[in-house]
Each structure stands twice: as structure tokens, then as C-alpha cells.
């Protein structure tokens, strides 16, 4: 009997992700066969690239190659900083135009492409957000119309600071005294 490799399992799961409801969070898989003690740590850092750019390179190029090596169960990324669009809403500006954070969330959810967009944190609540949109750049998101009344148009940039950042700022990893992944 042959055992499925983690990459094969991920491929099968990814093939059915589109069957999940739009509100569902992406499932997290953990596959362990035999020994689960880390055998090696490799630190990646750059004086030129941002941590989310290093993470993107590792996810696209390095991690798949490491996981394809016979005997490697998983190549886990510690301190990963995945790209995430951040819209830091200004409650006073929202109130001035008669909108709420829920209105902005509903607008993002009404589009057609699902991607991770980070988290919303309050004093007692933390919500993982998914943005559904066909937009491809930060500038396109900034120009997104979130309210129109007559000739008056309110764009996302009018009520939020929109940036491309990381999906997690709660942890960090250092290697040889430098921020790393």
C-alpha cells in the first residue's frame, strides 16, 4: 500500500475548494506520518525584499521543491507574511457618509474572486476576512465605489487607508539578528 504525499493531498483538496460556500474559511491540513520532529530550520531574509515578498517567493518556489524531496513530510513556513490587502477603515469618515464597516464588508463580499484579505480586530473580537473581487491592484481597490448618491461618489480611499501588507503582524521570526521567514 502506498501512502499519499502531502502535495498529493493538497492537490486533491484544492480541486474541491470551489464547492465550499463563499463564507467558508480555507481549510487547514496537517499531515504527519511517523516522526514529527523538525530535522532542519532554514532562515530566509533579504535586505531588499519585504517579508511578504520573501514569503511569496518561498511559497511559490522553495516550499514545493522541499516537499517533493523523498522523506520530507512538510516544509512549514514559520513567520510567514502572506500578502493581504488592508483597508484600515476610519469610523468618523464612514459615519460622515452614512456607512458602516458592515456595508464595506458586504461590498467586498459581493464581487467574484475569493482571496484572503486579513483580519478585523476589536477589543473582544477577531474576524478573518475574505475579499471577493475582480480587482488586481491597490490603486484599483482605492478607487472602488462603495456608495453613490446622485452625482456624489464615495470611494474606498475616501473612508479607509488602503495598503498591501501582510496577513499577520502578531508574530515574527529572526535569523542571525534579522527579520526572516
N, C-alpha and C. Protein backbone atom coordinates (compact mmCIF):
# COMPACT_ATOMS: atom_id res chain seq x y z
N UNK A 1 0.84 -1.17 0.00
CA UNK A 1 0.00 0.00 0.00
C UNK A 1 0.89 1.24 0.00
N UNK A 2 0.62 2.18 -0.91
CA UNK A 2 1.40 3.41 -0.96
C UNK A 2 0.68 4.50 -0.21
N UNK A 3 1.47 5.38 0.41
CA UNK A 3 0.89 6.48 1.17
C UNK A 3 0.89 7.73 0.31
N UNK A 4 -0.17 8.52 0.44
CA UNK A 4 -0.26 9.77 -0.31
C UNK A 4 0.69 10.79 0.27
N UNK A 5 1.41 11.49 -0.59
CA UNK A 5 2.30 12.55 -0.16
C UNK A 5 1.48 13.80 0.16
N UNK A 6 1.97 14.66 1.05
CA UNK A 6 1.24 15.89 1.38
C UNK A 6 0.88 16.72 0.16
N UNK A 7 1.77 16.79 -0.83
CA UNK A 7 1.47 17.57 -2.03
C UNK A 7 0.30 16.96 -2.81
N UNK A 8 0.19 15.63 -2.82
CA UNK A 8 -0.93 14.97 -3.49
C UNK A 8 -2.24 15.26 -2.76
N UNK A 9 -2.19 15.24 -1.44
CA UNK A 9 -3.38 15.52 -0.63
C UNK A 9 -3.82 16.97 -0.86
N UNK A 10 -2.86 17.90 -0.84
CA UNK A 10 -3.19 19.31 -1.09
C UNK A 10 -3.82 19.49 -2.46
N UNK A 11 -3.31 18.81 -3.47
CA UNK A 11 -3.86 18.91 -4.81
C UNK A 11 -5.31 18.44 -4.84
N UNK A 12 -5.60 17.33 -4.17
CA UNK A 12 -6.97 16.81 -4.14
C UNK A 12 -7.91 17.76 -3.39
N UNK A 13 -7.44 18.33 -2.29
CA UNK A 13 -8.27 19.27 -1.52
C UNK A 13 -8.51 20.53 -2.35
N UNK A 14 -7.47 21.06 -2.99
CA UNK A 14 -7.62 22.27 -3.79
C UNK A 14 -8.60 22.06 -4.95
N UNK A 15 -8.70 20.84 -5.44
CA UNK A 15 -9.61 20.55 -6.55
C UNK A 15 -11.08 20.68 -6.16
N UNK A 16 -11.39 20.60 -4.87
CA UNK A 16 -12.79 20.68 -4.44
C UNK A 16 -13.08 21.94 -3.62
N UNK A 17 -12.11 22.83 -3.47
CA UNK A 17 -12.34 24.05 -2.69
C UNK A 17 -13.47 24.90 -3.24
N UNK A 18 -13.64 24.90 -4.57
CA UNK A 18 -14.69 25.72 -5.16
C UNK A 18 -16.09 25.23 -4.81
N UNK A 19 -16.20 24.04 -4.21
CA UNK A 19 -17.51 23.53 -3.81
C UNK A 19 -17.93 24.04 -2.44
N UNK A 20 -17.00 24.65 -1.70
CA UNK A 20 -17.33 25.20 -0.39
C UNK A 20 -18.13 26.48 -0.56
N UNK A 21 -19.00 26.80 0.40
CA UNK A 21 -19.74 28.06 0.31
C UNK A 21 -18.78 29.24 0.40
N UNK A 22 -19.13 30.38 -0.20
CA UNK A 22 -18.23 31.53 -0.23
C UNK A 22 -17.81 32.02 1.16
N UNK A 23 -18.65 31.82 2.17
CA UNK A 23 -18.34 32.29 3.51
C UNK A 23 -17.36 31.38 4.24
N UNK A 24 -17.11 30.19 3.73
CA UNK A 24 -16.26 29.22 4.41
C UNK A 24 -14.80 29.66 4.37
N UNK A 25 -14.11 29.44 5.47
CA UNK A 25 -12.68 29.73 5.51
C UNK A 25 -11.93 28.57 4.86
N UNK A 26 -10.78 28.88 4.29
CA UNK A 26 -9.98 27.84 3.64
C UNK A 26 -9.54 26.82 4.69
N UNK A 27 -9.74 25.53 4.41
CA UNK A 27 -9.36 24.51 5.39
C UNK A 27 -7.84 24.44 5.58
N UNK A 28 -7.44 24.09 6.78
CA UNK A 28 -6.02 23.90 7.09
C UNK A 28 -5.76 22.41 7.23
N UNK A 29 -4.77 21.91 6.50
CA UNK A 29 -4.45 20.49 6.53
C UNK A 29 -3.14 20.28 7.26
N UNK A 30 -3.10 19.21 8.03
CA UNK A 30 -1.88 18.82 8.72
C UNK A 30 -1.71 17.32 8.55
N UNK A 31 -0.66 16.92 7.85
CA UNK A 31 -0.41 15.52 7.60
C UNK A 31 0.88 15.12 8.29
N UNK A 32 0.82 14.11 9.14
CA UNK A 32 2.02 13.62 9.83
C UNK A 32 2.10 12.11 9.71
N UNK A 33 3.23 11.64 9.25
CA UNK A 33 3.46 10.20 9.13
C UNK A 33 4.77 9.91 9.84
N UNK A 34 4.71 9.16 10.90
CA UNK A 34 5.93 8.81 11.62
C UNK A 34 6.46 9.95 12.46
N UNK A 35 7.76 10.18 12.41
CA UNK A 35 8.43 11.17 13.24
C UNK A 35 8.00 12.59 12.87
N UNK A 36 7.67 13.40 13.86
CA UNK A 36 7.22 14.76 13.60
C UNK A 36 8.15 15.80 14.21
N UNK A 37 9.39 15.43 14.45
CA UNK A 37 10.36 16.38 14.99
C UNK A 37 11.05 17.07 13.82
N UNK A 38 11.17 18.39 13.90
CA UNK A 38 11.83 19.13 12.83
C UNK A 38 13.29 18.72 12.74
N UNK A 39 13.72 18.43 11.54
CA UNK A 39 15.09 18.00 11.32
C UNK A 39 15.99 19.16 10.93
N UNK A 40 15.39 20.25 10.43
CA UNK A 40 16.20 21.35 9.92
C UNK A 40 15.39 22.64 9.92
N UNK A 41 16.06 23.73 10.21
CA UNK A 41 15.47 25.05 10.07
C UNK A 41 16.34 25.84 9.10
N UNK A 42 15.72 26.49 8.14
CA UNK A 42 16.45 27.31 7.17
C UNK A 42 15.85 28.71 7.26
N UNK A 43 16.68 29.70 7.50
CA UNK A 43 16.20 31.08 7.58
C UNK A 43 16.39 31.81 6.27
N UNK A 44 15.35 32.49 5.81
CA UNK A 44 15.41 33.28 4.59
C UNK A 44 15.14 34.73 4.97
N UNK A 45 16.01 35.62 4.51
CA UNK A 45 15.80 37.04 4.74
C UNK A 45 16.39 37.81 3.58
N UNK A 46 16.03 39.08 3.48
CA UNK A 46 16.53 39.91 2.40
C UNK A 46 16.69 41.34 2.88
N UNK A 47 17.73 41.99 2.41
CA UNK A 47 17.90 43.41 2.68
C UNK A 47 17.14 44.26 1.67
N UNK A 48 16.60 43.62 0.62
CA UNK A 48 15.91 44.33 -0.45
C UNK A 48 14.40 44.06 -0.42
N UNK A 49 14.01 42.79 -0.23
CA UNK A 49 12.60 42.41 -0.28
C UNK A 49 11.93 42.55 1.08
N UNK A 50 10.64 42.86 1.05
CA UNK A 50 9.83 42.90 2.26
C UNK A 50 9.53 41.46 2.69
N UNK A 51 9.19 41.23 3.99
CA UNK A 51 8.89 39.87 4.44
C UNK A 51 7.78 39.19 3.65
N UNK A 52 6.75 39.94 3.20
CA UNK A 52 5.69 39.29 2.42
C UNK A 52 6.19 38.91 1.02
N UNK A 53 7.17 39.61 0.49
CA UNK A 53 7.76 39.23 -0.79
C UNK A 53 8.63 37.98 -0.64
N UNK A 54 9.36 37.90 0.48
CA UNK A 54 10.16 36.70 0.77
C UNK A 54 9.23 35.49 0.92
N UNK A 55 8.13 35.67 1.67
CA UNK A 55 7.15 34.60 1.86
C UNK A 55 6.59 34.14 0.51
N UNK A 56 6.22 35.09 -0.34
CA UNK A 56 5.67 34.75 -1.65
C UNK A 56 6.66 33.91 -2.46
N UNK A 57 7.93 34.29 -2.45
CA UNK A 57 8.96 33.52 -3.15
C UNK A 57 9.07 32.10 -2.57
N UNK A 58 9.07 32.00 -1.25
CA UNK A 58 9.18 30.69 -0.61
C UNK A 58 7.99 29.79 -0.95
N UNK A 59 6.79 30.36 -0.92
CA UNK A 59 5.58 29.58 -1.20
C UNK A 59 5.56 29.11 -2.65
N UNK A 60 6.01 29.95 -3.56
CA UNK A 60 5.96 29.61 -4.99
C UNK A 60 7.13 28.74 -5.44
N UNK A 61 8.31 28.97 -4.90
CA UNK A 61 9.50 28.32 -5.45
C UNK A 61 10.15 27.30 -4.52
N UNK A 62 10.35 27.66 -3.27
CA UNK A 62 11.15 26.82 -2.38
C UNK A 62 10.32 25.72 -1.71
N UNK A 63 9.20 26.06 -1.13
CA UNK A 63 8.39 25.09 -0.38
C UNK A 63 7.97 23.89 -1.23
N UNK A 64 7.48 24.08 -2.46
CA UNK A 64 7.11 22.90 -3.26
C UNK A 64 8.29 21.98 -3.54
N UNK A 65 9.47 22.55 -3.76
CA UNK A 65 10.65 21.72 -4.04
C UNK A 65 11.08 20.94 -2.81
N UNK A 66 11.02 21.59 -1.64
CA UNK A 66 11.39 20.88 -0.41
C UNK A 66 10.41 19.75 -0.11
N UNK A 67 9.12 20.00 -0.31
CA UNK A 67 8.11 18.98 -0.01
C UNK A 67 8.15 17.82 -1.01
N UNK A 68 8.78 18.03 -2.16
CA UNK A 68 8.88 16.97 -3.16
C UNK A 68 10.04 16.02 -2.87
N UNK A 69 10.88 16.37 -1.91
CA UNK A 69 12.02 15.52 -1.57
C UNK A 69 11.52 14.31 -0.79
N UNK A 70 11.96 13.12 -1.19
CA UNK A 70 11.57 11.88 -0.52
C UNK A 70 11.94 11.96 0.96
N UNK A 71 10.99 11.63 1.81
CA UNK A 71 11.20 11.64 3.25
C UNK A 71 10.81 12.93 3.94
N UNK A 72 10.56 13.98 3.17
CA UNK A 72 10.12 15.26 3.75
C UNK A 72 8.60 15.23 3.84
N UNK A 73 8.09 15.33 5.07
CA UNK A 73 6.64 15.32 5.25
C UNK A 73 6.04 16.68 4.97
N UNK A 74 6.66 17.71 5.51
CA UNK A 74 6.12 19.05 5.32
C UNK A 74 7.26 20.05 5.45
N UNK A 75 7.20 21.07 4.61
CA UNK A 75 8.13 22.18 4.71
C UNK A 75 7.31 23.36 5.21
N UNK A 76 7.30 23.52 6.51
CA UNK A 76 6.46 24.53 7.16
C UNK A 76 7.16 25.89 7.13
N UNK A 77 6.38 26.93 6.92
CA UNK A 77 6.92 28.29 6.95
C UNK A 77 6.57 28.93 8.29
N UNK A 78 7.58 29.20 9.07
CA UNK A 78 7.40 29.88 10.35
C UNK A 78 7.63 31.36 10.13
N UNK A 79 6.76 32.19 10.65
CA UNK A 79 6.90 33.63 10.47
C UNK A 79 6.49 34.10 9.10
N UNK A 80 5.70 33.30 8.39
CA UNK A 80 5.26 33.67 7.04
C UNK A 80 4.44 34.95 7.09
N UNK A 81 4.64 35.79 6.13
CA UNK A 81 3.89 37.04 5.99
C UNK A 81 3.26 37.04 4.60
N UNK A 82 2.10 36.40 4.48
CA UNK A 82 1.41 36.32 3.20
C UNK A 82 0.80 37.67 2.85
N UNK A 83 0.75 37.96 1.54
CA UNK A 83 0.15 39.21 1.09
C UNK A 83 -1.31 39.30 1.52
N UNK A 84 -1.71 40.47 1.94
CA UNK A 84 -3.11 40.72 2.28
C UNK A 84 -3.41 42.19 2.06
N UNK A 85 -4.53 42.46 1.44
CA UNK A 85 -4.98 43.83 1.27
C UNK A 85 -5.51 44.31 2.61
N UNK A 86 -5.09 45.48 3.03
CA UNK A 86 -5.55 46.06 4.29
C UNK A 86 -6.32 47.34 3.99
N UNK A 87 -7.53 47.40 4.47
CA UNK A 87 -8.33 48.62 4.39
C UNK A 87 -8.61 49.04 5.82
N UNK A 88 -7.82 50.00 6.30
CA UNK A 88 -7.96 50.49 7.68
C UNK A 88 -9.06 51.54 7.66
N UNK A 89 -10.27 51.12 8.05
CA UNK A 89 -11.44 51.99 7.98
C UNK A 89 -11.39 53.08 9.04
N UNK A 90 -11.81 54.26 8.65
CA UNK A 90 -11.89 55.40 9.57
C UNK A 90 -13.35 55.54 9.99
N UNK A 91 -13.69 55.21 11.25
CA UNK A 91 -15.10 55.23 11.68
C UNK A 91 -15.76 56.60 11.53
N UNK A 92 -15.00 57.67 11.74
CA UNK A 92 -15.58 59.02 11.62
C UNK A 92 -15.91 59.34 10.16
N UNK A 93 -15.04 58.97 9.24
CA UNK A 93 -15.30 59.21 7.82
C UNK A 93 -16.46 58.35 7.34
N UNK A 94 -16.53 57.10 7.82
CA UNK A 94 -17.66 56.23 7.46
C UNK A 94 -18.97 56.84 7.94
N UNK A 95 -19.00 57.28 9.18
CA UNK A 95 -20.22 57.87 9.75
C UNK A 95 -20.62 59.13 8.99
N UNK A 96 -19.63 59.91 8.55
CA UNK A 96 -19.91 61.16 7.84
C UNK A 96 -20.62 60.92 6.51
N UNK A 97 -20.39 59.76 5.90
CA UNK A 97 -21.04 59.45 4.62
C UNK A 97 -22.16 58.43 4.79
N UNK A 98 -22.51 58.11 6.04
CA UNK A 98 -23.64 57.23 6.32
C UNK A 98 -23.37 55.76 6.04
N UNK A 99 -22.13 55.31 6.25
CA UNK A 99 -21.78 53.92 6.03
C UNK A 99 -21.24 53.29 7.30
N UNK A 100 -21.23 51.95 7.31
CA UNK A 100 -20.65 51.20 8.43
C UNK A 100 -19.61 50.23 7.88
N UNK A 101 -18.83 49.63 8.78
CA UNK A 101 -17.86 48.62 8.37
C UNK A 101 -18.58 47.44 7.70
N UNK A 102 -19.76 47.11 8.18
CA UNK A 102 -20.55 46.02 7.59
C UNK A 102 -20.93 46.33 6.15
N UNK A 103 -21.20 47.61 5.84
CA UNK A 103 -21.51 48.00 4.46
C UNK A 103 -20.31 47.75 3.54
N UNK A 104 -19.11 48.10 4.01
CA UNK A 104 -17.90 47.90 3.22
C UNK A 104 -17.64 46.41 3.04
N UNK A 105 -17.81 45.64 4.12
CA UNK A 105 -17.63 44.18 4.03
C UNK A 105 -18.60 43.58 3.01
N UNK A 106 -19.86 44.00 3.04
CA UNK A 106 -20.85 43.47 2.10
C UNK A 106 -20.47 43.79 0.66
N UNK A 107 -19.92 44.98 0.44
CA UNK A 107 -19.49 45.35 -0.91
C UNK A 107 -18.36 44.44 -1.38
N UNK A 108 -17.37 44.22 -0.52
CA UNK A 108 -16.26 43.35 -0.89
C UNK A 108 -16.74 41.92 -1.14
N UNK A 109 -17.67 41.44 -0.33
CA UNK A 109 -18.18 40.08 -0.46
C UNK A 109 -19.06 39.89 -1.69
N UNK A 110 -19.53 40.97 -2.30
CA UNK A 110 -20.45 40.87 -3.43
C UNK A 110 -19.76 40.66 -4.76
N UNK A 111 -18.45 40.69 -4.80
CA UNK A 111 -17.73 40.53 -6.06
C UNK A 111 -17.47 39.06 -6.35
N UNK A 112 -16.54 38.77 -7.28
CA UNK A 112 -16.49 37.42 -7.82
C UNK A 112 -15.18 36.65 -7.69
N UNK A 113 -14.19 37.12 -6.97
CA UNK A 113 -12.93 36.37 -6.84
C UNK A 113 -12.54 36.33 -5.38
N UNK A 114 -12.39 35.14 -4.83
CA UNK A 114 -12.13 34.97 -3.40
C UNK A 114 -10.63 35.00 -3.12
N UNK A 115 -10.23 35.87 -2.19
CA UNK A 115 -8.83 35.92 -1.77
C UNK A 115 -8.75 36.38 -0.33
N UNK A 116 -7.68 36.01 0.33
CA UNK A 116 -7.51 36.38 1.73
C UNK A 116 -7.25 37.86 1.84
N UNK A 117 -7.85 38.51 2.80
CA UNK A 117 -7.62 39.93 2.96
C UNK A 117 -7.25 40.31 4.38
N UNK A 118 -7.00 39.36 5.25
CA UNK A 118 -6.52 39.70 6.58
C UNK A 118 -7.54 39.48 7.67
N UNK A 119 -7.47 40.34 8.68
CA UNK A 119 -8.32 40.19 9.85
C UNK A 119 -8.86 41.54 10.29
N UNK A 120 -9.98 41.49 10.98
CA UNK A 120 -10.52 42.67 11.64
C UNK A 120 -10.47 42.37 13.13
N UNK A 121 -9.87 43.29 13.89
CA UNK A 121 -9.72 43.05 15.32
C UNK A 121 -10.37 44.19 16.10
N UNK A 122 -11.14 43.81 17.10
CA UNK A 122 -11.71 44.77 18.03
C UNK A 122 -11.25 44.40 19.42
N UNK A 123 -11.88 44.98 20.43
CA UNK A 123 -11.47 44.69 21.80
C UNK A 123 -11.76 43.25 22.18
N UNK A 124 -12.85 42.70 21.72
CA UNK A 124 -13.24 41.35 22.10
C UNK A 124 -13.41 40.41 20.91
N UNK A 125 -13.18 40.91 19.70
CA UNK A 125 -13.50 40.12 18.51
C UNK A 125 -12.34 40.18 17.52
N UNK A 126 -12.08 39.05 16.89
CA UNK A 126 -11.13 38.98 15.78
C UNK A 126 -11.80 38.18 14.69
N UNK A 127 -11.91 38.76 13.49
CA UNK A 127 -12.61 38.11 12.39
C UNK A 127 -11.66 38.00 11.21
N UNK A 128 -11.51 36.79 10.66
CA UNK A 128 -10.75 36.62 9.43
C UNK A 128 -11.63 37.06 8.28
N UNK A 129 -11.08 37.92 7.42
CA UNK A 129 -11.86 38.47 6.32
C UNK A 129 -11.43 37.87 5.00
N UNK A 130 -12.38 37.68 4.12
CA UNK A 130 -12.10 37.29 2.74
C UNK A 130 -12.72 38.34 1.85
N UNK A 131 -11.97 38.82 0.88
CA UNK A 131 -12.50 39.80 -0.06
C UNK A 131 -12.77 39.10 -1.38
N UNK A 132 -13.93 39.35 -1.92
CA UNK A 132 -14.28 38.80 -3.22
C UNK A 132 -14.25 39.93 -4.22
N UNK A 133 -13.31 39.88 -5.14
CA UNK A 133 -13.21 40.98 -6.08
C UNK A 133 -12.46 40.58 -7.34
N UNK A 134 -12.72 41.30 -8.40
CA UNK A 134 -12.01 41.09 -9.65
C UNK A 134 -10.90 42.14 -9.80
N UNK A 135 -10.69 42.94 -8.79
CA UNK A 135 -9.67 43.99 -8.83
C UNK A 135 -8.30 43.38 -8.56
N UNK A 136 -7.26 44.00 -9.13
CA UNK A 136 -5.93 43.38 -9.07
C UNK A 136 -4.84 44.24 -8.46
N UNK A 137 -5.10 45.51 -8.18
CA UNK A 137 -4.05 46.35 -7.61
C UNK A 137 -4.60 47.17 -6.45
N UNK A 138 -3.69 47.68 -5.65
CA UNK A 138 -4.10 48.52 -4.51
C UNK A 138 -4.83 49.76 -5.02
N UNK A 139 -4.34 50.36 -6.11
CA UNK A 139 -5.00 51.55 -6.65
C UNK A 139 -6.41 51.25 -7.12
N UNK A 140 -6.63 50.06 -7.72
CA UNK A 140 -7.98 49.70 -8.13
C UNK A 140 -8.90 49.56 -6.92
N UNK A 141 -8.39 49.00 -5.83
CA UNK A 141 -9.19 48.89 -4.61
C UNK A 141 -9.51 50.27 -4.05
N UNK A 142 -8.52 51.15 -4.06
CA UNK A 142 -8.73 52.51 -3.54
C UNK A 142 -9.84 53.22 -4.31
N UNK A 143 -9.92 52.98 -5.61
CA UNK A 143 -10.90 53.67 -6.46
C UNK A 143 -12.27 52.98 -6.47
N UNK A 144 -12.40 51.85 -5.77
CA UNK A 144 -13.67 51.13 -5.75
C UNK A 144 -14.78 52.03 -5.17
N UNK A 145 -15.88 52.12 -5.88
CA UNK A 145 -17.01 52.92 -5.42
C UNK A 145 -17.77 52.12 -4.38
N UNK A 146 -17.93 52.70 -3.19
CA UNK A 146 -18.65 51.99 -2.13
C UNK A 146 -20.02 52.61 -1.85
N UNK A 147 -20.22 53.82 -2.39
CA UNK A 147 -21.54 54.45 -2.24
C UNK A 147 -21.69 55.51 -3.32
N UNK A 148 -22.89 55.54 -3.92
CA UNK A 148 -23.17 56.55 -4.93
C UNK A 148 -24.57 57.07 -4.70
N UNK A 149 -24.67 58.39 -4.60
CA UNK A 149 -25.96 59.03 -4.40
C UNK A 149 -26.02 60.24 -5.32
N UNK A 150 -26.81 60.14 -6.37
CA UNK A 150 -26.85 61.21 -7.36
C UNK A 150 -25.50 61.34 -8.03
N UNK A 151 -24.94 62.56 -7.99
CA UNK A 151 -23.61 62.80 -8.58
C UNK A 151 -22.49 62.59 -7.57
N UNK A 152 -22.84 62.31 -6.33
CA UNK A 152 -21.85 62.13 -5.27
C UNK A 152 -21.37 60.68 -5.22
N UNK A 153 -20.06 60.51 -5.25
CA UNK A 153 -19.45 59.18 -5.24
C UNK A 153 -18.50 59.08 -4.06
N UNK A 154 -18.61 57.98 -3.29
CA UNK A 154 -17.69 57.71 -2.19
C UNK A 154 -16.87 56.49 -2.58
N UNK A 155 -15.56 56.67 -2.58
CA UNK A 155 -14.65 55.58 -2.91
C UNK A 155 -14.03 55.03 -1.63
N UNK A 156 -13.51 53.81 -1.70
CA UNK A 156 -12.91 53.18 -0.53
C UNK A 156 -11.81 54.05 0.06
N UNK A 157 -11.00 54.67 -0.78
CA UNK A 157 -9.90 55.53 -0.29
C UNK A 157 -10.42 56.75 0.47
N UNK A 158 -11.68 57.13 0.26
CA UNK A 158 -12.25 58.27 0.97
C UNK A 158 -12.52 57.96 2.44
N UNK A 159 -12.68 56.67 2.76
CA UNK A 159 -13.04 56.29 4.15
C UNK A 159 -12.05 55.31 4.77
N UNK A 160 -10.97 54.99 4.04
CA UNK A 160 -10.01 54.00 4.55
C UNK A 160 -8.62 54.27 4.02
N UNK A 161 -7.64 53.83 4.79
CA UNK A 161 -6.26 53.81 4.33
C UNK A 161 -6.04 52.40 3.77
N UNK A 162 -5.88 52.30 2.45
CA UNK A 162 -5.78 51.01 1.77
C UNK A 162 -4.31 50.72 1.46
N UNK A 163 -3.81 49.60 1.97
CA UNK A 163 -2.42 49.23 1.76
C UNK A 163 -2.32 47.74 1.44
N UNK A 164 -1.22 47.35 0.81
CA UNK A 164 -0.92 45.94 0.61
C UNK A 164 0.10 45.58 1.68
N UNK A 165 -0.31 44.73 2.60
CA UNK A 165 0.56 44.35 3.71
C UNK A 165 0.60 42.86 3.88
N UNK A 166 0.74 42.45 5.13
CA UNK A 166 0.81 41.03 5.47
C UNK A 166 -0.47 40.61 6.17
N UNK A 167 -0.77 39.31 6.12
CA UNK A 167 -1.98 38.81 6.77
C UNK A 167 -1.81 38.62 8.27
N UNK A 168 -0.59 38.75 8.78
CA UNK A 168 -0.34 38.51 10.20
C UNK A 168 0.78 39.41 10.69
N UNK A 169 0.48 40.20 11.70
CA UNK A 169 1.50 41.04 12.33
C UNK A 169 1.71 40.62 13.78
N UNK A 170 1.14 39.49 14.17
CA UNK A 170 1.16 39.06 15.57
C UNK A 170 2.42 38.26 15.93
N UNK A 171 3.20 37.86 14.95
CA UNK A 171 4.39 37.06 15.24
C UNK A 171 5.51 37.47 14.30
N UNK A 172 6.74 37.13 14.70
CA UNK A 172 7.87 37.38 13.83
C UNK A 172 8.96 36.35 14.11
N UNK A 173 9.83 36.14 13.14
CA UNK A 173 10.93 35.20 13.25
C UNK A 173 12.20 35.96 12.92
N UNK A 174 13.27 35.66 13.63
CA UNK A 174 14.56 36.28 13.35
C UNK A 174 15.59 35.19 13.06
N UNK A 175 16.51 35.49 12.17
CA UNK A 175 17.61 34.60 11.86
C UNK A 175 18.87 35.45 11.80
N UNK A 176 19.82 35.12 12.63
CA UNK A 176 21.08 35.85 12.69
C UNK A 176 20.85 37.35 12.93
N UNK A 177 19.85 37.64 13.76
CA UNK A 177 19.55 39.02 14.12
C UNK A 177 18.74 39.80 13.12
N UNK A 178 18.28 39.18 12.03
CA UNK A 178 17.49 39.85 11.02
C UNK A 178 16.11 39.23 10.94
N UNK A 179 15.09 40.05 10.60
CA UNK A 179 13.75 39.51 10.39
C UNK A 179 13.80 38.52 9.24
N UNK A 180 13.20 37.36 9.47
CA UNK A 180 13.31 36.29 8.48
C UNK A 180 12.03 35.48 8.42
N UNK A 181 12.00 34.56 7.48
CA UNK A 181 10.92 33.57 7.34
C UNK A 181 11.59 32.21 7.32
